[in-house]
Amino acid sequence: MRQYFVYILSTPDNTIVYIGVTNDLIRRVREHKEKLNKCFTSQFNCNKLVWFEVFRDIRVAIRREKQLKNWHRSWKNDLIEKENPEWMELTPNAQ
């Protein structure tokens, strides 16, 4: 069964966040960390995984991603801190 992930990355100092959706969270975070795509996350060094949710339906995941992108920053912070109050790196084997 397929899984889809909505995730939030932050900069090392947690000043900038990025929200994305993927079907392979570990691969996608690795791509961000290795700056394989010249995009927002590589430009701002936004590659620390601090939050994610799992979905079975890609349409639901995309709706959630769009919803979160429209949230105020304080709401995003509250969402992260509910599950990860220290903003710890959640990627397994992250350096």
Protein backbone atom coordinates (compact mmCIF):
# COMPACT_ATOMS: atom_id res chain seq x y z
CA MET A 1 0.00 0.00 0.00
CA ARG A 2 1.34 3.42 -0.97
CA GLN A 3 2.07 6.09 1.61
CA TYR A 4 2.38 9.81 1.09
CA PHE A 5 3.98 12.32 3.41
CA VAL A 6 3.41 16.00 4.06
CA TYR A 7 6.53 17.34 5.72
CA ILE A 8 8.07 20.49 7.12
CA LEU A 9 11.75 21.33 6.81
CA SER A 10 13.46 24.17 8.63
CA THR A 11 16.76 25.97 8.54
CA PRO A 12 19.31 25.08 11.25
CA ASP A 13 18.22 28.12 13.29
CA ASN A 14 14.48 27.45 12.64
CA THR A 15 13.87 30.87 11.09
CA ILE A 16 12.54 29.58 7.75
CA VAL A 17 10.26 26.62 7.06
CA TYR A 18 9.35 24.76 3.88
CA ILE A 19 6.34 22.49 3.37
CA GLY A 20 6.29 19.70 0.82
CA VAL A 21 4.63 16.42 -0.15
CA THR A 22 6.27 13.19 -1.32
CA ASN A 23 5.78 9.45 -1.60
CA ASP A 24 9.28 8.70 -0.24
CA LEU A 25 10.17 10.87 2.74
CA ILE A 26 13.72 9.59 3.30
CA ARG A 27 14.68 9.99 -0.36
CA ARG A 28 13.13 13.45 -0.60
CA VAL A 29 14.81 14.76 2.55
CA ARG A 30 18.13 13.37 1.30
CA GLU A 31 17.61 15.29 -1.97
CA HIS A 32 17.04 18.47 0.03
CA LYS A 33 20.11 17.85 2.19
CA GLU A 34 22.30 17.16 -0.84
CA LYS A 35 20.85 20.24 -2.61
CA LEU A 36 20.14 18.20 -5.74
CA ASN A 37 17.57 20.71 -6.97
CA LYS A 38 18.28 24.41 -7.15
CA CYS A 39 15.17 25.61 -5.37
CA PHE A 40 13.94 27.37 -2.24
CA THR A 41 15.33 24.77 0.15
CA SER A 42 18.83 24.80 -1.35
CA GLN A 43 18.89 28.59 -1.55
CA PHE A 44 17.99 29.01 2.12
CA ASN A 45 19.62 25.82 3.52
CA CYS A 46 16.23 24.57 4.62
CA ASN A 47 16.85 20.85 5.08
CA LYS A 48 16.15 19.84 8.68
CA LEU A 49 13.08 17.58 8.90
CA VAL A 50 11.07 18.78 11.91
CA TRP A 51 7.53 17.47 11.26
CA PHE A 52 5.59 15.09 9.00
CA GLU A 53 2.22 13.38 8.58
CA VAL A 54 1.44 10.15 6.72
CA PHE A 55 -1.47 9.69 4.30
CA ARG A 56 -2.80 6.81 2.19
CA ASP A 57 -4.45 9.05 -0.43
CA ILE A 58 -2.31 11.48 -2.45
CA ARG A 59 -5.29 13.81 -2.93
CA VAL A 60 -5.72 14.16 0.83
CA ALA A 61 -1.98 14.74 1.26
CA ILE A 62 -1.94 17.47 -1.39
CA ARG A 63 -4.95 19.18 0.23
CA ARG A 64 -3.16 19.11 3.59
CA GLU A 65 0.03 20.52 2.04
CA LYS A 66 -1.91 23.41 0.47
CA GLN A 67 -3.74 24.02 3.75
CA LEU A 68 -0.49 24.25 5.73
CA LYS A 69 1.13 26.52 3.15
CA ASN A 70 -1.69 29.01 3.76
CA TRP A 71 -1.29 28.98 7.54
CA HIS A 72 0.26 31.80 9.53
CA ARG A 73 3.80 31.07 10.66
CA SER A 74 2.75 30.95 14.32
CA TRP A 75 0.26 28.16 13.51
CA LYS A 76 3.01 26.20 11.74
CA ASN A 77 5.27 26.67 14.75
CA ASP A 78 2.52 25.41 17.08
CA LEU A 79 1.97 22.35 14.87
CA ILE A 80 5.68 21.50 14.93
CA GLU A 81 6.06 22.14 18.65
CA LYS A 82 3.07 19.95 19.52
CA GLU A 83 4.99 16.87 18.31
CA ASN A 84 8.57 18.14 18.32
CA PRO A 85 8.96 20.89 20.96
CA GLU A 86 12.75 21.04 20.59
CA TRP A 87 12.65 21.19 16.77
CA MET A 88 14.92 18.15 16.65
CA GLU A 89 16.04 16.65 13.34
CA LEU A 90 13.67 13.73 12.64
CA THR A 91 15.52 12.17 9.72
CA PRO A 92 17.04 8.82 10.70
CA ASN A 93 20.85 8.88 10.57
CA ALA A 94 20.90 12.62 9.94
CA GLN A 95 24.14 14.42 10.51
